[in-house]
Amino acid sequence: MPSLKDLRVRINSVKSTRKITSAMKMVAASKLRRAQAAAEQARPYATRMERMLGNLAGSLAGQSGAPRLLAGTGGDDVHLIVVVTSDRSLCGGFNSSIVRRARATVAELQRSGKTVKLVTIGRKGRDQLKRDHGALFIDGYENVGRKGLTFGEAREIGEKIIERFEAGEFDVCTVLYNRFRSVIAQEVTLQQLIPFPVPEVETGSAVPVLKATYEYEPSEEAILADLLPRNLSVQVFRALIESFASEQGARMTAMDNATRNAGEMINSLTVRYNRTRQAQITTELTEIISGAEAL
């Protein structure tokens, strides 16, 4: 049975922990507001750029003059997966959900006879995946956006991916990240980057769909050759922004739960401390009374 001193030390320790988790919750909430605003502002640009490229790519898909980022290599034997996690922990199941999906995706591709290569953005994903898939790693990035996430960092990562594609190191590239939905909800998202996914045309609809006809200057091939690499960097930047907002939301929720749990533990320990103290006082009084009667 712990002594009164042990209980006092334990209560003070939990109180100190509660102060830390409460402060981390407030910091995460402050960062979340900025990250959520950035994610919401980036979505329309990334979505519309992808839609515009989809309209352009629809007319060139399968043609001999199509850019390689659209046409691909003609195979899908080697897959590159870019896994986006965080550099820090204390954010609940944020990193674990990404790692679980990455492991499942790797296992599924390997069962299909595909070769898998991994690139990680964030230390936590790298540390967890290296335990089982260390041989698959070809590159990794840490402290991305530590001083504020910028498009330049995403562009560098995108250019490195394109260099590896041009060198013939892989056929298909996908990015795996947490898409921000709300403070308590993040959606694990697997998005293909290379080759650019051409949207499927709906057929068999009873209502005719009228599409506008556009004339492009310069040619569609020249536009795609310029915009496809830029779009890849934009989608990487979007993944990083969404991941950062999801991380702050997950950390805020985890620290809020930890703060409430610490408060409940303090109340429980305080009750236990008071009961132990009362029992000791009762025992001492009993001994004093028994000694007086003996005299």
Protein backbone atom coordinates (compact mmCIF):
# COMPACT_ATOMS: atom_id res chain seq x y z
CA MET A 1 0.00 0.00 0.00
CA PRO A 2 1.54 3.36 -0.99
CA SER A 3 2.35 5.85 1.73
CA LEU A 4 0.99 9.39 1.95
CA LYS A 5 4.28 10.72 0.60
CA ASP A 6 4.08 8.42 -2.44
CA LEU A 7 0.52 9.56 -3.14
CA ARG A 8 1.49 13.25 -2.84
CA VAL A 9 4.37 12.74 -5.25
CA ARG A 10 2.09 10.92 -7.68
CA ILE A 11 -0.57 13.65 -7.53
CA ASN A 12 2.01 16.39 -8.15
CA SER A 13 3.46 14.41 -11.06
CA VAL A 14 0.06 13.99 -12.72
CA LYS A 15 -0.70 17.70 -12.19
CA SER A 16 2.55 18.59 -13.97
CA THR A 17 1.64 16.27 -16.82
CA ARG A 18 -1.80 17.87 -17.08
CA LYS A 19 -0.20 21.30 -17.42
CA ILE A 20 1.96 20.02 -20.28
CA THR A 21 -0.89 18.32 -22.16
CA SER A 22 -3.13 21.37 -21.68
CA ALA A 23 -0.42 23.64 -23.10
CA MET A 24 0.15 21.29 -26.05
CA LYS A 25 -3.58 21.26 -26.74
CA MET A 26 -3.66 25.06 -26.95
CA VAL A 27 -0.59 25.16 -29.20
CA ALA A 28 -2.09 22.51 -31.49
CA ALA A 29 -5.38 24.45 -31.61
CA SER A 30 -3.52 27.61 -32.65
CA LYS A 31 -1.60 25.77 -35.38
CA LEU A 32 -4.74 23.97 -36.49
CA ARG A 33 -6.57 27.19 -37.30
CA ARG A 34 -3.82 28.29 -39.67
CA ALA A 35 -3.32 24.81 -41.14
CA GLN A 36 -7.05 24.31 -41.73
CA ALA A 37 -7.31 27.66 -43.48
CA ALA A 38 -4.32 26.80 -45.70
CA ALA A 39 -5.78 23.39 -46.57
CA GLU A 40 -9.18 24.85 -47.47
CA GLN A 41 -7.55 27.54 -49.62
CA ALA A 42 -5.36 25.01 -51.48
CA ARG A 43 -8.16 22.58 -52.31
CA PRO A 44 -9.96 24.64 -55.02
CA TYR A 45 -6.73 25.35 -56.95
CA ALA A 46 -5.51 21.73 -56.80
CA THR A 47 -8.94 20.34 -57.68
CA ARG A 48 -9.55 22.66 -60.62
CA MET A 49 -6.07 22.19 -61.98
CA GLU A 50 -6.59 18.44 -61.85
CA ARG A 51 -9.96 18.82 -63.56
CA MET A 52 -8.52 21.01 -66.31
CA LEU A 53 -5.69 18.57 -66.95
CA GLY A 54 -8.23 15.76 -67.01
CA ASN A 55 -10.12 17.52 -69.81
CA LEU A 56 -6.89 18.04 -71.74
CA ALA A 57 -5.61 14.53 -71.14
CA GLY A 58 -8.86 12.90 -72.23
CA SER A 59 -8.21 13.78 -75.87
CA LEU A 60 -4.57 12.63 -75.83
CA ALA A 61 -4.80 9.46 -73.75
CA GLY A 62 -3.49 6.47 -75.69
CA GLN A 63 -1.92 8.54 -78.46
CA SER A 64 1.73 8.20 -79.39
CA GLY A 65 2.54 11.87 -78.82
CA ALA A 66 1.22 11.99 -75.27
CA PRO A 67 3.69 13.14 -72.55
CA ARG A 68 5.27 10.36 -70.48
CA LEU A 69 3.73 11.68 -67.27
CA LEU A 70 0.35 11.02 -68.91
CA ALA A 71 1.07 7.91 -70.96
CA GLY A 72 3.31 6.25 -68.42
CA THR A 73 5.89 3.62 -69.27
CA GLY A 74 3.42 1.14 -70.69
CA GLY A 75 3.61 -1.14 -67.64
CA ASP A 76 2.85 -1.21 -63.94
CA ASP A 77 5.44 -3.62 -62.61
CA VAL A 78 7.25 -1.20 -60.27
CA HIS A 79 5.26 0.95 -57.85
CA LEU A 80 6.60 3.89 -55.86
CA ILE A 81 4.60 4.83 -52.75
CA VAL A 82 5.22 8.21 -51.12
CA VAL A 83 4.13 7.91 -47.47
CA VAL A 84 3.40 11.21 -45.69
CA THR A 85 3.52 11.15 -41.87
CA SER A 86 4.77 13.50 -39.15
CA ASP A 87 8.13 14.04 -37.50
CA ARG A 88 6.60 14.17 -34.01
CA SER A 89 4.43 11.84 -31.97
CA LEU A 90 1.71 12.56 -29.37
CA CYS A 91 -0.96 12.81 -32.06
CA GLY A 92 -3.08 9.75 -31.35
CA GLY A 93 -3.49 7.29 -34.21
CA PHE A 94 -2.49 9.77 -36.92
CA ASN A 95 0.75 8.03 -37.90
CA SER A 96 -0.43 4.48 -37.12
CA SER A 97 -3.37 4.72 -39.54
CA ILE A 98 -1.06 5.75 -42.39
CA VAL A 99 1.48 3.03 -41.58
CA ARG A 100 -1.24 0.35 -41.44
CA ARG A 101 -2.58 1.40 -44.84
CA ALA A 102 0.95 1.51 -46.28
CA ARG A 103 1.69 -2.01 -45.05
CA ALA A 104 -1.61 -3.29 -46.45
CA THR A 105 -0.93 -1.63 -49.82
CA VAL A 106 2.60 -3.04 -50.00
CA ALA A 107 1.35 -6.53 -49.15
CA GLU A 108 -1.41 -6.32 -51.76
CA LEU A 109 0.96 -5.20 -54.50
CA GLN A 110 3.54 -7.83 -53.63
CA ARG A 111 0.89 -10.56 -53.74
CA SER A 112 0.11 -9.36 -57.27
CA GLY A 113 3.76 -9.82 -58.24
CA LYS A 114 4.64 -6.13 -58.28
CA THR A 115 7.87 -4.54 -57.11
CA VAL A 116 7.37 -1.86 -54.45
CA LYS A 117 9.62 1.06 -53.53
CA LEU A 118 9.03 3.47 -50.65
CA VAL A 119 9.72 7.17 -50.09
CA THR A 120 8.77 8.62 -46.72
CA ILE A 121 8.07 12.21 -45.71
CA GLY A 122 8.25 12.36 -41.94
CA ARG A 123 10.37 10.52 -39.40
CA LYS A 124 7.59 8.52 -37.72
CA GLY A 125 6.52 6.73 -40.89
CA ARG A 126 10.12 5.93 -41.76
CA ASP A 127 10.87 4.50 -38.30
CA GLN A 128 7.80 2.26 -38.25
CA LEU A 129 8.00 1.01 -41.83
CA LYS A 130 11.72 0.26 -41.68
CA ARG A 131 11.07 -2.54 -39.20
CA ASP A 132 9.36 -4.68 -41.84
CA HIS A 133 10.16 -3.01 -45.17
CA GLY A 134 13.64 -1.54 -44.74
CA ALA A 135 14.82 -3.05 -48.03
CA LEU A 136 12.15 -1.16 -49.98
CA PHE A 137 13.32 2.34 -49.00
CA ILE A 138 14.97 4.49 -51.66
CA ASP A 139 14.61 7.97 -50.12
CA GLY A 140 13.24 9.87 -47.14
CA TYR A 141 12.60 13.45 -46.01
CA GLU A 142 12.53 14.88 -42.50
CA ASN A 143 11.60 18.26 -41.01
CA VAL A 144 9.60 19.26 -44.09
CA GLY A 145 7.71 22.43 -43.19
CA ARG A 146 9.38 22.76 -39.79
CA LYS A 147 9.76 26.53 -40.28
CA GLY A 148 6.53 26.85 -42.22
CA LEU A 149 5.46 24.73 -45.16
CA THR A 150 6.22 26.30 -48.54
CA PHE A 151 5.53 25.28 -52.12
CA GLY A 152 9.28 25.29 -52.78
CA GLU A 153 9.73 22.23 -50.55
CA ALA A 154 6.94 20.39 -52.34
CA ARG A 155 8.41 21.34 -55.72
CA GLU A 156 11.80 19.89 -54.74
CA ILE A 157 10.17 16.61 -53.75
CA GLY A 158 8.10 16.58 -56.95
CA GLU A 159 11.15 17.23 -59.14
CA LYS A 160 13.03 14.40 -57.43
CA ILE A 161 10.13 12.03 -58.12
CA ILE A 162 10.06 13.06 -61.79
CA GLU A 163 13.83 12.53 -62.05
CA ARG A 164 13.43 8.99 -60.75
CA PHE A 165 10.57 8.38 -63.19
CA GLU A 166 12.58 9.67 -66.14
CA ALA A 167 15.44 7.40 -65.06
CA GLY A 168 13.09 4.40 -65.28
CA GLU A 169 13.12 3.56 -61.58
CA PHE A 170 9.35 2.98 -61.38
CA ASP A 171 6.18 2.80 -63.47
CA VAL A 172 3.46 4.04 -61.11
CA CYS A 173 3.70 6.58 -58.28
CA THR A 174 1.07 7.13 -55.59
CA VAL A 175 1.04 9.34 -52.51
CA LEU A 176 -0.47 8.18 -49.22
CA TYR A 177 -1.56 10.81 -46.71
CA ASN A 178 -4.27 11.82 -44.22
CA ARG A 179 -6.88 14.15 -45.72
CA PHE A 180 -8.28 16.61 -43.19
CA ARG A 181 -12.01 16.31 -42.58
CA SER A 182 -12.48 17.73 -39.09
CA VAL A 183 -10.71 17.99 -35.76
CA ILE A 184 -11.71 14.42 -34.88
CA ALA A 185 -11.77 12.89 -38.36
CA GLN A 186 -9.01 12.32 -40.90
CA GLU A 187 -9.37 10.23 -44.05
CA VAL A 188 -6.50 8.04 -45.23
CA THR A 189 -6.14 8.85 -48.93
CA LEU A 190 -4.20 7.03 -51.66
CA GLN A 191 -3.80 9.26 -54.74
CA GLN A 192 -2.06 8.30 -57.97
CA LEU A 193 0.42 10.88 -59.27
CA ILE A 194 2.16 9.10 -62.16
CA PRO A 195 0.84 8.40 -64.73
CA PHE A 196 -1.75 11.15 -64.46
CA PRO A 197 -5.14 9.43 -63.97
CA VAL A 198 -7.46 10.29 -66.84
CA PRO A 199 -11.08 10.55 -65.63
CA GLU A 200 -13.41 7.94 -67.05
CA VAL A 201 -16.15 9.11 -69.39
CA GLU A 202 -19.62 8.07 -68.29
CA THR A 203 -21.49 6.11 -70.92
CA GLY A 204 -25.08 4.94 -71.19
CA SER A 205 -26.57 8.07 -69.61
CA ALA A 206 -30.15 8.85 -70.65
CA VAL A 207 -29.46 12.58 -70.49
CA PRO A 208 -26.97 13.88 -73.10
CA VAL A 209 -24.03 15.75 -71.64
CA LEU A 210 -23.06 18.86 -73.59
CA LYS A 211 -19.37 19.73 -73.41
CA ALA A 212 -17.81 22.95 -74.57
CA THR A 213 -15.18 22.86 -77.28
CA TYR A 214 -11.96 24.69 -76.55
CA GLU A 215 -9.08 25.72 -78.78
CA TYR A 216 -5.72 25.73 -77.02
CA GLU A 217 -2.72 27.86 -77.82
CA PRO A 218 -0.06 26.48 -77.77
CA SER A 219 -0.97 22.89 -78.56
CA GLU A 220 -2.49 20.51 -76.03
CA GLU A 221 0.75 18.49 -75.99
CA ALA A 222 2.81 21.57 -75.14
CA ILE A 223 0.41 22.63 -72.39
CA LEU A 224 0.39 19.17 -70.81
CA ALA A 225 4.19 18.91 -71.03
CA ASP A 226 4.44 22.13 -69.00
CA LEU A 227 1.55 21.64 -66.56
CA LEU A 228 1.87 17.94 -65.70
CA PRO A 229 5.15 18.39 -63.74
CA ARG A 230 3.70 21.48 -62.07
CA ASN A 231 0.54 19.57 -61.18
CA LEU A 232 2.58 16.82 -59.54
CA SER A 233 4.24 19.40 -57.27
CA VAL A 234 0.83 20.95 -56.56
CA GLN A 235 -0.61 17.58 -55.53
CA VAL A 236 2.41 16.87 -53.31
CA PHE A 237 1.96 20.29 -51.72
CA ARG A 238 -1.72 19.57 -51.21
CA ALA A 239 -0.88 16.25 -49.52
CA LEU A 240 1.59 17.97 -47.20
CA ILE A 241 -0.89 20.69 -46.24
CA GLU A 242 -3.70 18.21 -45.63
CA SER A 243 -1.36 16.00 -43.60
CA PHE A 244 -0.17 18.90 -41.45
CA ALA A 245 -3.73 20.02 -40.70
CA SER A 246 -4.71 16.42 -39.88
CA GLU A 247 -1.70 16.10 -37.58
CA GLN A 248 -2.64 19.21 -35.60
CA GLY A 249 -6.26 18.08 -35.34
CA ALA A 250 -5.22 14.64 -34.13
CA ARG A 251 -2.75 16.14 -31.63
CA MET A 252 -5.35 18.57 -30.29
CA THR A 253 -7.83 15.72 -29.77
CA ALA A 254 -5.21 13.46 -28.16
CA MET A 255 -4.01 16.17 -25.79
CA ASP A 256 -7.60 17.07 -24.86
CA ASN A 257 -8.27 13.42 -23.97
CA ALA A 258 -5.01 13.23 -22.02
CA THR A 259 -5.85 16.39 -20.08
CA ARG A 260 -9.28 15.06 -19.11
CA ASN A 261 -7.83 11.67 -18.15
CA ALA A 262 -5.20 13.39 -16.00
CA GLY A 263 -7.95 15.34 -14.21
CA GLU A 264 -9.87 12.14 -13.48
CA MET A 265 -6.69 10.48 -12.20
CA ILE A 266 -5.95 13.44 -9.92
CA ASN A 267 -9.46 13.23 -8.44
CA SER A 268 -9.09 9.49 -7.88
CA LEU A 269 -5.66 9.85 -6.26
CA THR A 270 -6.89 12.73 -4.07
CA VAL A 271 -9.75 10.59 -2.76
CA ARG A 272 -7.34 7.76 -2.10
CA TYR A 273 -4.93 10.13 -0.35
CA ASN A 274 -7.68 11.50 1.91
CA ARG A 275 -8.90 8.03 2.83
CA THR A 276 -5.39 6.84 3.61
CA ARG A 277 -4.75 9.93 5.71
CA GLN A 278 -8.03 9.46 7.56
CA ALA A 279 -7.21 5.81 8.24
CA GLN A 280 -3.81 6.73 9.65
CA ILE A 281 -5.34 9.43 11.91
CA THR A 282 -7.95 6.95 13.15
CA THR A 283 -5.23 4.39 13.89
CA GLU A 284 -3.15 6.92 15.81
CA LEU A 285 -6.16 8.03 17.86
CA THR A 286 -7.01 4.44 18.68
CA GLU A 287 -3.44 3.79 19.85
CA ILE A 288 -3.45 6.95 22.01
CA ILE A 289 -6.80 6.06 23.61
CA SER A 290 -5.72 2.46 24.22
CA GLY A 291 -2.48 3.65 25.83
CA ALA A 292 -4.33 6.10 28.12
CA GLU A 293 -6.73 3.42 29.28
CA ALA A 294 -3.83 1.07 30.05
CA LEU A 295 -2.33 3.71 32.34
